[in-house]
């Protein structure tokens, strides 16, 4: 029964994490404006993935957290590559593919930016959460600050450098929003730990 509780948490958290990654990729091209901020539509959901990774780390440990990195990377790569393939395939004359092309069609530069930012930020998040042996909240905050900054900086630099876009403005606004939203799920990390402790598991985090 105890192992079932742990497995249930892992399945739920990993499923939610991968779904959030995929939905974020699909909605990234839709820009939204909040006051003076212009942000990709994916910002709000993608920000939650940073804390979801920490919750998975607490439940499954460092080994599972490391294994999650290539899983998420593969899911993102599959969506981007398969979307490009579908967009390139011929279509019947009665079908207008423009809507799908705008959502699924992604330039090579954006693909590289997205996958590179994911790889760098997830490794930073995992390593910092594992090695920073302080309070659980402190670990979540530190790992999220670093991973959010890296994800934002790497993606925007690769995707928009040389295009004339205001890089620093884009980075600052996205970092603030992403980090603020990532803190919303901090109680989930504590809830997962408390649930497993009640089930008899010794949690090191």
Protein backbone atom coordinates (compact mmCIF):
# COMPACT_ATOMS: atom_id res chain seq x y z
CA UNK A 1 0.00 0.00 0.00
CA UNK A 2 2.82 2.40 0.86
CA UNK A 3 4.53 1.78 -2.46
CA UNK A 4 1.20 2.35 -4.23
CA UNK A 5 1.00 5.82 -2.67
CA UNK A 6 4.45 6.73 -3.95
CA UNK A 7 3.76 5.31 -7.40
CA UNK A 8 0.48 7.19 -7.58
CA UNK A 9 2.17 10.49 -6.79
CA UNK A 10 4.90 9.87 -9.36
CA UNK A 11 2.48 8.94 -12.15
CA UNK A 12 0.31 11.98 -11.46
CA UNK A 13 3.19 14.45 -11.20
CA UNK A 14 5.11 13.13 -14.22
CA UNK A 15 1.94 13.05 -16.32
CA UNK A 16 1.09 16.63 -15.37
CA UNK A 17 4.68 17.72 -16.00
CA UNK A 18 4.91 16.21 -19.49
CA UNK A 19 1.45 17.53 -20.39
CA UNK A 20 2.46 21.02 -19.25
CA UNK A 21 5.63 20.86 -21.35
CA UNK A 22 3.72 19.85 -24.50
CA UNK A 23 0.88 22.35 -24.03
CA UNK A 24 3.45 25.08 -23.42
CA UNK A 25 5.17 24.32 -26.71
CA UNK A 26 1.86 24.48 -28.60
CA UNK A 27 0.78 27.77 -27.00
CA UNK A 28 4.18 29.51 -27.08
CA UNK A 29 3.46 31.29 -30.35
CA UNK A 30 0.34 33.08 -29.07
CA UNK A 31 1.42 36.40 -27.56
CA UNK A 32 -0.62 37.98 -24.77
CA UNK A 33 -0.41 41.48 -23.31
CA UNK A 34 -0.84 42.28 -19.64
CA UNK A 35 -0.46 45.99 -19.06
CA UNK A 36 2.94 46.85 -20.46
CA UNK A 37 4.14 43.24 -20.61
CA UNK A 38 4.02 41.18 -23.81
CA UNK A 39 4.50 37.49 -23.10
CA UNK A 40 4.17 34.15 -24.92
CA UNK A 41 0.97 32.37 -23.97
CA UNK A 42 3.03 29.46 -22.67
CA UNK A 43 4.63 31.55 -19.92
CA UNK A 44 1.94 30.93 -17.33
CA UNK A 45 1.74 27.14 -17.63
CA UNK A 46 5.41 26.57 -18.36
CA UNK A 47 6.34 28.42 -15.17
CA UNK A 48 4.65 25.68 -13.17
CA UNK A 49 6.95 23.00 -14.59
CA UNK A 50 9.86 24.26 -12.51
CA UNK A 51 8.08 23.53 -9.23
CA UNK A 52 6.56 20.31 -10.60
CA UNK A 53 10.11 19.06 -11.17
CA UNK A 54 10.93 19.81 -7.53
CA UNK A 55 7.87 17.87 -6.38
CA UNK A 56 8.94 14.90 -8.51
CA UNK A 57 12.41 15.21 -7.01
CA UNK A 58 10.96 15.01 -3.49
CA UNK A 59 8.79 11.99 -4.31
CA UNK A 60 11.14 9.98 -6.50
CA UNK A 61 14.57 11.19 -5.44
CA UNK A 62 17.55 12.33 -7.47
CA UNK A 63 17.57 9.26 -9.73
CA UNK A 64 14.01 9.84 -10.93
CA UNK A 65 14.59 13.61 -11.26
CA UNK A 66 17.58 12.96 -13.53
CA UNK A 67 15.62 10.44 -15.59
CA UNK A 68 12.89 13.04 -16.12
CA UNK A 69 15.28 15.31 -18.05
CA UNK A 70 15.62 13.12 -21.19
CA UNK A 71 11.91 12.23 -20.96
CA UNK A 72 10.89 15.88 -21.16
CA UNK A 73 13.52 16.61 -23.80
CA UNK A 74 12.27 13.72 -25.95
CA UNK A 75 8.64 14.81 -25.58
CA UNK A 76 9.50 18.36 -26.66
CA UNK A 77 11.65 17.17 -29.56
CA UNK A 78 8.96 14.74 -30.74
CA UNK A 79 6.32 17.49 -30.80
CA UNK A 80 8.56 19.96 -32.62
CA UNK A 81 9.88 17.48 -35.18
CA UNK A 82 6.58 15.74 -35.82
CA UNK A 83 4.83 19.09 -36.12
CA UNK A 84 7.35 20.13 -38.75
CA UNK A 85 6.87 16.83 -40.59
CA UNK A 86 3.07 17.13 -40.64
CA UNK A 87 3.31 20.74 -41.83
CA UNK A 88 5.61 19.67 -44.69
CA UNK A 89 3.37 16.84 -45.93
CA UNK A 90 1.07 17.57 -48.91
CA UNK A 91 -2.57 18.36 -48.19
CA UNK A 92 -5.81 17.98 -50.19
CA UNK A 93 -7.03 20.97 -52.18
CA UNK A 94 -10.15 21.43 -50.03
CA UNK A 95 -8.14 21.74 -46.79
CA UNK A 96 -6.53 24.96 -45.56
CA UNK A 97 -3.42 24.09 -43.50
CA UNK A 98 -2.50 27.66 -42.55
CA UNK A 99 -3.87 27.46 -39.00
CA UNK A 100 -1.95 24.26 -38.31
CA UNK A 101 1.19 25.62 -39.94
CA UNK A 102 1.15 28.67 -37.66
CA UNK A 103 0.87 26.45 -34.57
CA UNK A 104 2.99 23.44 -35.52
CA UNK A 105 5.42 25.04 -37.94
CA UNK A 106 8.53 26.12 -36.04
CA UNK A 107 11.77 27.55 -37.39
CA UNK A 108 14.98 25.62 -36.83
CA UNK A 109 16.34 28.48 -34.71
CA UNK A 110 13.37 28.35 -32.33
CA UNK A 111 13.64 24.54 -32.07
CA UNK A 112 17.32 24.81 -31.11
CA UNK A 113 16.54 27.61 -28.64
CA UNK A 114 13.72 25.67 -27.03
CA UNK A 115 15.56 22.37 -26.61
CA UNK A 116 18.81 24.01 -25.46
CA UNK A 117 17.02 26.14 -22.88
CA UNK A 118 15.12 23.11 -21.60
CA UNK A 119 18.27 20.99 -21.24
CA UNK A 120 20.31 23.67 -19.46
CA UNK A 121 17.56 24.82 -17.10
CA UNK A 122 16.39 21.34 -16.07
CA UNK A 123 19.91 20.22 -15.21
CA UNK A 124 20.45 23.35 -13.14
CA UNK A 125 17.13 22.87 -11.35
CA UNK A 126 17.86 19.22 -10.55
CA UNK A 127 21.44 19.73 -9.36
CA UNK A 128 20.69 22.77 -7.20
CA UNK A 129 17.66 21.15 -5.58
CA UNK A 130 19.71 18.06 -4.75
CA UNK A 131 22.82 19.81 -3.40
CA UNK A 132 21.36 22.79 -1.56
CA UNK A 133 20.74 21.14 1.83
CA UNK A 134 18.61 23.75 3.57
CA UNK A 135 14.86 24.11 4.07
CA UNK A 136 12.54 22.64 1.45
CA UNK A 137 11.17 26.08 0.58
CA UNK A 138 14.73 27.41 0.23
CA UNK A 139 15.62 24.62 -2.16
CA UNK A 140 12.54 25.25 -4.28
CA UNK A 141 13.18 29.00 -4.44
CA UNK A 142 16.91 28.69 -5.23
CA UNK A 143 16.47 26.03 -7.90
CA UNK A 144 13.57 27.93 -9.47
CA UNK A 145 15.46 31.23 -9.56
CA UNK A 146 18.40 29.63 -11.35
CA UNK A 147 16.42 27.45 -13.75
CA UNK A 148 13.95 30.21 -14.62
CA UNK A 149 16.78 32.67 -15.33
CA UNK A 150 18.66 30.16 -17.46
CA UNK A 151 15.61 29.01 -19.37
CA UNK A 152 14.56 32.58 -20.16
CA UNK A 153 18.03 33.87 -20.97
CA UNK A 154 19.13 30.96 -23.16
CA UNK A 155 15.87 30.75 -25.11
CA UNK A 156 15.52 34.47 -25.83
CA UNK A 157 19.20 34.87 -26.72
CA UNK A 158 19.24 32.00 -29.22
CA UNK A 159 15.78 32.69 -30.65
CA UNK A 160 15.91 36.48 -30.96
CA UNK A 161 19.54 37.65 -30.97
CA UNK A 162 20.18 39.83 -34.00
CA UNK A 163 16.50 40.30 -34.81
CA UNK A 164 16.20 43.74 -33.23
CA UNK A 165 13.97 42.47 -30.43
CA UNK A 166 14.52 44.11 -26.99
CA UNK A 167 16.28 41.13 -25.44
CA UNK A 168 16.77 42.49 -21.92
CA UNK A 169 13.17 43.69 -21.70
CA UNK A 170 11.87 40.32 -22.86
CA UNK A 171 14.13 38.47 -20.41
CA UNK A 172 13.22 40.64 -17.41
CA UNK A 173 9.46 40.49 -17.93
CA UNK A 174 9.40 36.74 -18.57
CA UNK A 175 11.67 35.98 -15.63
CA UNK A 176 9.52 37.95 -13.18
CA UNK A 177 6.27 36.37 -14.36
CA UNK A 178 7.68 32.82 -14.60
CA UNK A 179 9.27 32.92 -11.17
CA UNK A 180 6.21 34.42 -9.49
CA UNK A 181 3.95 31.74 -10.97
CA UNK A 182 6.38 28.94 -10.13
CA UNK A 183 5.99 29.80 -6.44
CA UNK A 184 2.24 29.11 -6.61
CA UNK A 185 2.89 25.35 -6.55
CA UNK A 186 5.28 25.37 -3.58
CA UNK A 187 2.49 23.99 -1.32
CA UNK A 188 2.24 21.03 -3.71
CA UNK A 189 5.83 20.08 -2.90
CA UNK A 190 5.07 20.18 0.82
CA UNK A 191 1.82 18.28 0.27
CA UNK A 192 3.57 15.49 -1.63
CA UNK A 193 6.18 15.15 1.10
CA UNK A 194 3.62 15.14 3.91
CA UNK A 195 1.48 12.55 2.11
CA UNK A 196 4.40 10.18 1.68
CA UNK A 197 5.57 10.68 5.25
CA UNK A 198 2.10 9.74 6.46
CA UNK A 199 2.34 6.62 4.31
CA UNK A 200 5.53 5.64 6.13
CA UNK A 201 8.20 6.79 3.71
CA UNK A 202 11.38 8.45 4.97
CA UNK A 203 11.79 11.55 2.78
CA UNK A 204 15.24 13.12 2.72
CA UNK A 205 14.15 16.49 1.36
